[in-house]
């Protein structure tokens, strides 16, 4: 299922396997194995890398939700615009934002899937800070 969704999104974007592998930073052969369902358990990090250039997310690739849609009627407040503008001015790309979002969502998904007791666990409020360093 993961491979089929990746292939469908890749073809919709008009990317070859080579192009997507380059954009995602994964090997062409590994991506091919995933698409042909020969590799059924790629890491969440690899999935986040693949999802970003496809304008998708890990949850969609796992078959857990529909493809994300952008709603024009959702307006960001001024604080969000300022945060985004500063990040873009400092060199963050759309792919960086998507990868960061996917990493945070995957951590939340991973935490939820590990709770097999069925009991309500007290959740601690934490903040994750991820620092990226991009070399030119």
C-alpha atoms as a PDB file:
ATOM      1  CA  UNK A   1       0.000   0.000   0.000  1.00  0.00           C
ATOM      2  CA  UNK A   2       2.785   2.464   0.875  1.00  0.00           C
ATOM      3  CA  UNK A   3       4.566   1.772  -2.395  1.00  0.00           C
ATOM      4  CA  UNK A   4       1.405   2.135  -4.434  1.00  0.00           C
ATOM      5  CA  UNK A   5       0.591   5.506  -2.893  1.00  0.00           C
ATOM      6  CA  UNK A   6       4.140   6.771  -3.424  1.00  0.00           C
ATOM      7  CA  UNK A   7       4.105   5.645  -7.049  1.00  0.00           C
ATOM      8  CA  UNK A   8       0.692   7.237  -7.686  1.00  0.00           C
ATOM      9  CA  UNK A   9       1.794  10.574  -6.177  1.00  0.00           C
ATOM     10  CA  UNK A  10       5.137  10.446  -8.014  1.00  0.00           C
ATOM     11  CA  UNK A  11       3.453   9.861 -11.359  1.00  0.00           C
ATOM     12  CA  UNK A  12       0.873  12.580 -10.644  1.00  0.00           C
ATOM     13  CA  UNK A  13       3.749  15.023 -10.080  1.00  0.00           C
ATOM     14  CA  UNK A  14       5.425  13.830 -13.281  1.00  0.00           C
ATOM     15  CA  UNK A  15       8.564  12.693 -11.436  1.00  0.00           C
ATOM     16  CA  UNK A  16      10.690   9.776 -12.506  1.00  0.00           C
ATOM     17  CA  UNK A  17      11.977   7.442  -9.802  1.00  0.00           C
ATOM     18  CA  UNK A  18      15.395   9.057 -10.257  1.00  0.00           C
ATOM     19  CA  UNK A  19      13.974  12.576  -9.804  1.00  0.00           C
ATOM     20  CA  UNK A  20      12.021  11.676  -6.652  1.00  0.00           C
ATOM     21  CA  UNK A  21      14.998   9.781  -5.211  1.00  0.00           C
ATOM     22  CA  UNK A  22      17.182  12.869  -5.759  1.00  0.00           C
ATOM     23  CA  UNK A  23      14.608  15.237  -4.244  1.00  0.00           C
ATOM     24  CA  UNK A  24      14.041  12.953  -1.250  1.00  0.00           C
ATOM     25  CA  UNK A  25      17.697  12.106  -0.681  1.00  0.00           C
ATOM     26  CA  UNK A  26      17.173   8.343  -0.868  1.00  0.00           C
ATOM     27  CA  UNK A  27      18.688   5.841  -3.263  1.00  0.00           C
ATOM     28  CA  UNK A  28      16.863   5.092  -6.486  1.00  0.00           C
ATOM     29  CA  UNK A  29      17.035   1.349  -5.820  1.00  0.00           C
ATOM     30  CA  UNK A  30      15.594   1.699  -2.306  1.00  0.00           C
ATOM     31  CA  UNK A  31      12.741   3.854  -3.616  1.00  0.00           C
ATOM     32  CA  UNK A  32      12.096   1.275  -6.344  1.00  0.00           C
ATOM     33  CA  UNK A  33      11.958  -1.505  -3.726  1.00  0.00           C
ATOM     34  CA  UNK A  34       9.419   0.512  -1.729  1.00  0.00           C
ATOM     35  CA  UNK A  35       7.250   1.210  -4.781  1.00  0.00           C
ATOM     36  CA  UNK A  36       7.271  -2.464  -5.807  1.00  0.00           C
ATOM     37  CA  UNK A  37       6.376  -3.506  -2.235  1.00  0.00           C
ATOM     38  CA  UNK A  38       9.638  -5.401  -1.862  1.00  0.00           C
ATOM     39  CA  UNK A  39      10.440  -3.113   1.089  1.00  0.00           C
ATOM     40  CA  UNK A  40       7.308  -2.852   3.224  1.00  0.00           C
ATOM     41  CA  UNK A  41       8.735  -1.231   6.329  1.00  0.00           C
ATOM     42  CA  UNK A  42      10.670   1.956   5.500  1.00  0.00           C
ATOM     43  CA  UNK A  43      11.611   4.099   8.494  1.00  0.00           C
ATOM     44  CA  UNK A  44       9.524   7.116   9.406  1.00  0.00           C
ATOM     45  CA  UNK A  45      12.485   9.334   8.520  1.00  0.00           C
ATOM     46  CA  UNK A  46      12.662   7.875   5.001  1.00  0.00           C
ATOM     47  CA  UNK A  47       8.920   8.230   4.600  1.00  0.00           C
ATOM     48  CA  UNK A  48       9.092  11.879   5.684  1.00  0.00           C
ATOM     49  CA  UNK A  49      11.857  12.477   3.136  1.00  0.00           C
ATOM     50  CA  UNK A  50       9.746  10.921   0.377  1.00  0.00           C
ATOM     51  CA  UNK A  51       6.504  12.615   1.412  1.00  0.00           C
ATOM     52  CA  UNK A  52       7.898  16.171   1.356  1.00  0.00           C
ATOM     53  CA  UNK A  53       8.624  16.504  -2.393  1.00  0.00           C
ATOM     54  CA  UNK A  54       5.293  14.794  -3.106  1.00  0.00           C
ATOM     55  CA  UNK A  55       3.448  17.453  -1.060  1.00  0.00           C
ATOM     56  CA  UNK A  56       2.099  14.657   1.108  1.00  0.00           C
ATOM     57  CA  UNK A  57       2.614  13.338   4.627  1.00  0.00           C
ATOM     58  CA  UNK A  58       3.465  10.108   6.422  1.00  0.00           C
ATOM     59  CA  UNK A  59      -0.118   9.459   7.468  1.00  0.00           C
ATOM     60  CA  UNK A  60      -1.304   9.495   3.856  1.00  0.00           C
ATOM     61  CA  UNK A  61       1.491   7.161   2.775  1.00  0.00           C
ATOM     62  CA  UNK A  62       0.493   4.775   5.570  1.00  0.00           C
ATOM     63  CA  UNK A  63      -3.095   4.865   4.326  1.00  0.00           C
ATOM     64  CA  UNK A  64      -4.433   6.517   7.452  1.00  0.00           C
ATOM     65  CA  UNK A  65      -5.836   9.699   5.976  1.00  0.00           C
ATOM     66  CA  UNK A  66      -6.720  11.394   2.773  1.00  0.00           C
ATOM     67  CA  UNK A  67      -4.267  13.566   0.912  1.00  0.00           C
ATOM     68  CA  UNK A  68      -3.918  16.913   2.682  1.00  0.00           C
ATOM     69  CA  UNK A  69      -5.765  19.808   1.094  1.00  0.00           C
ATOM     70  CA  UNK A  70      -5.094  23.493   1.404  1.00  0.00           C
ATOM     71  CA  UNK A  71      -8.163  25.517   2.285  1.00  0.00           C
ATOM     72  CA  UNK A  72      -8.132  29.078   1.036  1.00  0.00           C
ATOM     73  CA  UNK A  73     -10.574  30.134   3.731  1.00  0.00           C
ATOM     74  CA  UNK A  74      -8.097  29.297   6.493  1.00  0.00           C
ATOM     75  CA  UNK A  75      -6.259  32.517   7.229  1.00  0.00           C
ATOM     76  CA  UNK A  76      -3.084  32.687   9.278  1.00  0.00           C
ATOM     77  CA  UNK A  77      -2.938  35.291  12.001  1.00  0.00           C
ATOM     78  CA  UNK A  78      -0.202  37.914  11.989  1.00  0.00           C
ATOM     79  CA  UNK A  79       2.012  36.024  14.456  1.00  0.00           C
ATOM     80  CA  UNK A  80       2.035  32.928  12.212  1.00  0.00           C
ATOM     81  CA  UNK A  81       2.800  35.045   9.150  1.00  0.00           C
ATOM     82  CA  UNK A  82       5.712  36.640  10.976  1.00  0.00           C
ATOM     83  CA  UNK A  83       7.082  33.269  12.100  1.00  0.00           C
ATOM     84  CA  UNK A  84       6.830  31.860   8.590  1.00  0.00           C
ATOM     85  CA  UNK A  85       8.325  34.971   6.977  1.00  0.00           C
ATOM     86  CA  UNK A  86      11.287  34.908   9.362  1.00  0.00           C
ATOM     87  CA  UNK A  87      11.872  31.207   8.714  1.00  0.00           C
ATOM     88  CA  UNK A  88      11.740  31.729   4.937  1.00  0.00           C
ATOM     89  CA  UNK A  89      14.047  34.737   5.220  1.00  0.00           C
ATOM     90  CA  UNK A  90      16.482  32.497   7.108  1.00  0.00           C
ATOM     91  CA  UNK A  91      16.421  29.957   4.283  1.00  0.00           C
ATOM     92  CA  UNK A  92      13.699  27.426   5.167  1.00  0.00           C
ATOM     93  CA  UNK A  93      11.964  25.927   2.163  1.00  0.00           C
ATOM     94  CA  UNK A  94       8.482  24.432   1.783  1.00  0.00           C
ATOM     95  CA  UNK A  95      10.115  21.022   1.929  1.00  0.00           C
ATOM     96  CA  UNK A  96      11.790  21.932   5.236  1.00  0.00           C
ATOM     97  CA  UNK A  97       8.439  22.958   6.728  1.00  0.00           C
ATOM     98  CA  UNK A  98       6.793  19.773   5.453  1.00  0.00           C
ATOM     99  CA  UNK A  99       9.613  17.587   6.795  1.00  0.00           C
ATOM    100  CA  UNK A 100       9.439  19.287  10.188  1.00  0.00           C
ATOM    101  CA  UNK A 101       5.662  18.866  10.316  1.00  0.00           C
ATOM    102  CA  UNK A 102       5.936  15.215   9.321  1.00  0.00           C
ATOM    103  CA  UNK A 103       8.594  14.542  11.963  1.00  0.00           C
ATOM    104  CA  UNK A 104       6.387  16.046  14.658  1.00  0.00           C
ATOM    105  CA  UNK A 105       3.311  14.136  13.435  1.00  0.00           C
ATOM    106  CA  UNK A 106       5.268  10.873  13.223  1.00  0.00           C
ATOM    107  CA  UNK A 107       6.452  11.300  16.800  1.00  0.00           C
ATOM    108  CA  UNK A 108       2.843  11.838  17.893  1.00  0.00           C
ATOM    109  CA  UNK A 109       1.686   8.833  15.812  1.00  0.00           C
ATOM    110  CA  UNK A 110       4.473   6.668  17.196  1.00  0.00           C
ATOM    111  CA  UNK A 111       3.546   7.659  20.749  1.00  0.00           C
ATOM    112  CA  UNK A 112      -0.121   6.836  20.161  1.00  0.00           C
ATOM    113  CA  UNK A 113       0.629   3.468  18.569  1.00  0.00           C
ATOM    114  CA  UNK A 114       2.800   2.394  21.511  1.00  0.00           C
ATOM    115  CA  UNK A 115      -0.079   2.862  23.977  1.00  0.00           C
ATOM    116  CA  UNK A 116      -1.531  -0.646  23.933  1.00  0.00           C
ATOM    117  CA  UNK A 117      -2.853  -0.735  27.488  1.00  0.00           C
ATOM    118  CA  UNK A 118      -6.172   0.889  26.602  1.00  0.00           C
ATOM    119  CA  UNK A 119      -5.982   2.928  29.791  1.00  0.00           C
ATOM    120  CA  UNK A 120      -5.787   6.679  29.686  1.00  0.00           C
ATOM    121  CA  UNK A 121      -2.248   7.682  30.390  1.00  0.00           C
ATOM    122  CA  UNK A 122      -1.474  11.055  31.820  1.00  0.00           C
ATOM    123  CA  UNK A 123       0.180  13.039  29.053  1.00  0.00           C
ATOM    124  CA  UNK A 124       3.088  15.304  29.878  1.00  0.00           C
ATOM    125  CA  UNK A 125       3.257  18.555  28.013  1.00  0.00           C
ATOM    126  CA  UNK A 126       6.595  18.719  26.308  1.00  0.00           C
ATOM    127  CA  UNK A 127       8.147  20.764  23.610  1.00  0.00           C
ATOM    128  CA  UNK A 128      10.443  19.336  20.977  1.00  0.00           C
ATOM    129  CA  UNK A 129      13.044  21.589  19.484  1.00  0.00           C
ATOM    130  CA  UNK A 130      14.724  20.366  16.353  1.00  0.00           C
ATOM    131  CA  UNK A 131      17.691  22.260  15.001  1.00  0.00           C
ATOM    132  CA  UNK A 132      18.592  21.780  11.372  1.00  0.00           C
ATOM    133  CA  UNK A 133      21.907  22.766   9.918  1.00  0.00           C
ATOM    134  CA  UNK A 134      22.011  23.006   6.144  1.00  0.00           C
ATOM    135  CA  UNK A 135      25.361  23.314   4.473  1.00  0.00           C
ATOM    136  CA  UNK A 136      25.529  24.836   1.027  1.00  0.00           C
END
